[in-house]
C-alpha atoms as a PDB file:
ATOM      1  CA  MET A   1      -2.926 -22.296  12.444  1.00  0.00           C
ATOM      2  CA  ARG A   2      -3.943 -23.801  15.754  1.00  0.00           C
ATOM      3  CA  PRO A   3      -3.374 -27.451  14.695  1.00  0.00           C
ATOM      4  CA  ILE A   4       0.122 -26.540  13.517  1.00  0.00           C
ATOM      5  CA  VAL A   5       1.091 -24.691  16.688  1.00  0.00           C
ATOM      6  CA  LEU A   6      -0.699 -26.836  19.294  1.00  0.00           C
ATOM      7  CA  TYR A   7      -0.582 -30.314  17.818  1.00  0.00           C
ATOM      8  CA  GLY A   8       2.377 -30.069  15.443  1.00  0.00           C
ATOM      9  CA  ASP A   9       0.306 -30.917  12.359  1.00  0.00           C
ATOM     10  CA  PRO A  10       2.218 -30.420   9.101  1.00  0.00           C
ATOM     11  CA  ALA A  11       1.618 -27.072   7.435  1.00  0.00           C
ATOM     12  CA  ILE A  12       1.076 -28.779   4.074  1.00  0.00           C
ATOM     13  CA  GLN A  13      -1.873 -30.735   5.477  1.00  0.00           C
ATOM     14  CA  ARG A  14      -3.442 -27.616   6.987  1.00  0.00           C
ATOM     15  CA  ALA A  15      -2.825 -25.707   3.756  1.00  0.00           C
ATOM     16  CA  LYS A  16      -4.838 -28.310   1.828  1.00  0.00           C
ATOM     17  CA  GLU A  17      -7.664 -28.094   4.370  1.00  0.00           C
ATOM     18  CA  THR A  18      -7.870 -24.298   4.457  1.00  0.00           C
ATOM     19  CA  GLY A  19      -6.671 -23.219   1.029  1.00  0.00           C
ATOM     20  CA  GLU A  20      -4.032 -20.998   2.644  1.00  0.00           C
ATOM     21  CA  ALA A  21      -0.504 -21.139   1.241  1.00  0.00           C
ATOM     22  CA  ARG A  22       1.834 -23.519   3.075  1.00  0.00           C
ATOM     23  CA  ASN A  23       4.552 -20.852   3.252  1.00  0.00           C
ATOM     24  CA  THR A  24       2.148 -18.406   4.883  1.00  0.00           C
ATOM     25  CA  LEU A  25       1.060 -20.941   7.492  1.00  0.00           C
ATOM     26  CA  GLU A  26       4.656 -21.857   8.292  1.00  0.00           C
ATOM     27  CA  ARG A  27       5.690 -18.201   8.592  1.00  0.00           C
ATOM     28  CA  LYS A  28       2.704 -17.337  10.793  1.00  0.00           C
ATOM     29  CA  SER A  29       3.225 -20.317  13.066  1.00  0.00           C
ATOM     30  CA  ASP A  30       6.956 -19.498  13.371  1.00  0.00           C
ATOM     31  CA  ASP A  31       6.053 -15.893  14.227  1.00  0.00           C
ATOM     32  CA  PHE A  32       3.587 -17.172  16.830  1.00  0.00           C
ATOM     33  CA  ASP A  33       6.256 -19.418  18.361  1.00  0.00           C
ATOM     34  CA  ASP A  34       8.686 -16.482  18.549  1.00  0.00           C
ATOM     35  CA  GLN A  35       6.334 -13.635  19.559  1.00  0.00           C
ATOM     36  CA  GLY A  36       3.205 -15.222  20.956  1.00  0.00           C
ATOM     37  CA  MET A  37      -0.246 -13.662  20.552  1.00  0.00           C
ATOM     38  CA  VAL A  38       1.147 -10.278  19.556  1.00  0.00           C
ATOM     39  CA  SER A  39       2.229 -11.783  16.208  1.00  0.00           C
ATOM     40  CA  LEU A  40      -1.440 -12.250  15.339  1.00  0.00           C
ATOM     41  CA  PHE A  41      -2.233  -8.558  15.724  1.00  0.00           C
ATOM     42  CA  ALA A  42       0.949  -6.653  14.991  1.00  0.00           C
ATOM     43  CA  SER A  43       1.091  -5.107  11.565  1.00  0.00           C
ATOM     44  CA  LYS A  44       4.402  -4.359   9.987  1.00  0.00           C
ATOM     45  CA  PRO A  45       4.721  -1.030   8.186  1.00  0.00           C
ATOM     46  CA  CYS A  46       4.959  -1.289   4.440  1.00  0.00           C
ATOM     47  CA  LYS A  47       8.263   0.185   3.283  1.00  0.00           C
ATOM     48  CA  GLN A  48       6.993   0.427  -0.266  1.00  0.00           C
ATOM     49  CA  ALA A  49       4.008   2.545   0.807  1.00  0.00           C
ATOM     50  CA  GLU A  50       6.420   5.013   2.383  1.00  0.00           C
ATOM     51  CA  ALA A  51       8.461   5.130  -0.811  1.00  0.00           C
ATOM     52  CA  TRP A  52       5.327   5.851  -2.806  1.00  0.00           C
ATOM     53  CA  SER A  53       4.118   8.681  -0.583  1.00  0.00           C
ATOM     54  CA  LEU A  54       4.646  12.226  -1.736  1.00  0.00           C
ATOM     55  CA  PRO A  55       6.262  15.005   0.276  1.00  0.00           C
ATOM     56  CA  PRO A  56       3.637  17.300   1.836  1.00  0.00           C
ATOM     57  CA  GLU A  57       4.805  20.279  -0.253  1.00  0.00           C
ATOM     58  CA  MET A  58       4.296  18.321  -3.479  1.00  0.00           C
ATOM     59  CA  ARG A  59       0.861  17.096  -2.380  1.00  0.00           C
ATOM     60  CA  GLN A  60      -0.159  20.665  -1.583  1.00  0.00           C
ATOM     61  CA  LEU A  61       1.061  21.904  -4.969  1.00  0.00           C
ATOM     62  CA  ILE A  62      -0.954  19.183  -6.721  1.00  0.00           C
ATOM     63  CA  VAL A  63      -4.079  20.083  -4.746  1.00  0.00           C
ATOM     64  CA  ASP A  64      -3.598  23.787  -5.463  1.00  0.00           C
ATOM     65  CA  LEU A  65      -3.074  23.203  -9.175  1.00  0.00           C
ATOM     66  CA  ARG A  66      -6.125  20.938  -9.431  1.00  0.00           C
ATOM     67  CA  VAL A  67      -8.283  23.541  -7.679  1.00  0.00           C
ATOM     68  CA  GLU A  68      -6.935  26.608  -9.496  1.00  0.00           C
ATOM     69  CA  LEU A  69      -6.597  25.015 -12.939  1.00  0.00           C
ATOM     70  CA  PRO A  70      -9.013  22.069 -13.176  1.00  0.00           C
ATOM     71  CA  SER A  71      -8.457  21.735 -16.923  1.00  0.00           C
ATOM     72  CA  MET A  72      -4.714  21.110 -16.426  1.00  0.00           C
ATOM     73  CA  SER A  73      -3.840  17.532 -17.274  1.00  0.00           C
ATOM     74  CA  LEU A  74      -2.219  15.199 -14.780  1.00  0.00           C
ATOM     75  CA  ARG A  75       0.754  14.931 -17.111  1.00  0.00           C
ATOM     76  CA  GLU A  76       1.220  18.709 -16.954  1.00  0.00           C
ATOM     77  CA  ILE A  77       0.985  18.634 -13.168  1.00  0.00           C
ATOM     78  CA  ALA A  78       3.553  15.816 -13.069  1.00  0.00           C
ATOM     79  CA  ASP A  79       5.871  17.886 -15.283  1.00  0.00           C
ATOM     80  CA  ILE A  80       5.540  20.886 -12.950  1.00  0.00           C
ATOM     81  CA  CYS A  81       6.331  18.655  -9.975  1.00  0.00           C
ATOM     82  CA  GLU A  82       9.391  17.328 -11.745  1.00  0.00           C
ATOM     83  CA  ILE A  83      10.679  20.848 -12.433  1.00  0.00           C
ATOM     84  CA  ARG A  84       9.893  22.101  -8.935  1.00  0.00           C
ATOM     85  CA  PHE A  85      10.881  19.068  -6.843  1.00  0.00           C
ATOM     86  CA  ASN A  86      13.156  17.099  -9.168  1.00  0.00           C
ATOM     87  CA  ARG A  87      10.661  14.229  -8.890  1.00  0.00           C
ATOM     88  CA  LYS A  88       7.563  13.223 -10.797  1.00  0.00           C
ATOM     89  CA  PRO A  89       4.647  11.664  -8.945  1.00  0.00           C
ATOM     90  CA  SER A  90       4.475   7.958  -9.711  1.00  0.00           C
ATOM     91  CA  HIS A  91       1.337   6.170 -10.812  1.00  0.00           C
ATOM     92  CA  HIS A  92       1.648   4.320  -7.464  1.00  0.00           C
ATOM     93  CA  THR A  93       0.820   7.542  -5.625  1.00  0.00           C
ATOM     94  CA  GLY A  94      -2.523   7.706  -7.410  1.00  0.00           C
ATOM     95  CA  VAL A  95      -1.850  11.123  -8.901  1.00  0.00           C
ATOM     96  CA  THR A  96      -0.784  10.520 -12.479  1.00  0.00           C
ATOM     97  CA  HIS A  97      -3.632   8.289 -13.655  1.00  0.00           C
ATOM     98  CA  GLY A  98      -6.754   6.493 -12.576  1.00  0.00           C
ATOM     99  CA  HIS A  99      -9.847   7.866 -10.876  1.00  0.00           C
ATOM    100  CA  HIS A 100      -9.380  11.058  -8.908  1.00  0.00           C
ATOM    101  CA  ASN A 101     -11.521  13.215  -6.714  1.00  0.00           C
ATOM    102  CA  ASP A 102     -11.777  17.002  -7.082  1.00  0.00           C
ATOM    103  CA  ASN A 103      -8.496  17.486  -5.215  1.00  0.00           C
ATOM    104  CA  GLY A 104      -6.515  15.335  -7.625  1.00  0.00           C
ATOM    105  CA  PHE A 105      -6.152  12.315  -5.362  1.00  0.00           C
ATOM    106  CA  ARG A 106      -7.023   8.768  -6.311  1.00  0.00           C
ATOM    107  CA  THR A 107     -10.237   7.430  -4.863  1.00  0.00           C
ATOM    108  CA  GLU A 108     -10.753   3.814  -3.874  1.00  0.00           C
ATOM    109  CA  SER A 109     -14.236   3.571  -5.364  1.00  0.00           C
ATOM    110  CA  GLY A 110     -13.285   5.279  -8.604  1.00  0.00           C
ATOM    111  CA  VAL A 111     -15.842   8.049  -8.051  1.00  0.00           C
END
């Protein structure tokens, strides 16, 4: 990004040299021009991650059900959540499928 910001090199040229997308380099250099160094370190919250998070009461119910009734399927737990909270956990929350730990939550390593 330095050649773009300091020397005004075209983003397309730098993109070819680095393998980074031209749009990304242009956006980052524009952010740097507007915000300075802070743009390199500031992370913007992901709105979608917030939408995928479950209410604490629902998370606790899922944990309790997984502990008390380990043989209960995730589909059954999702159905209970839908009845109780008018909302089913989405597969994005890591509860309805995939690898889960003993508490019913998705694990990154799949173990």
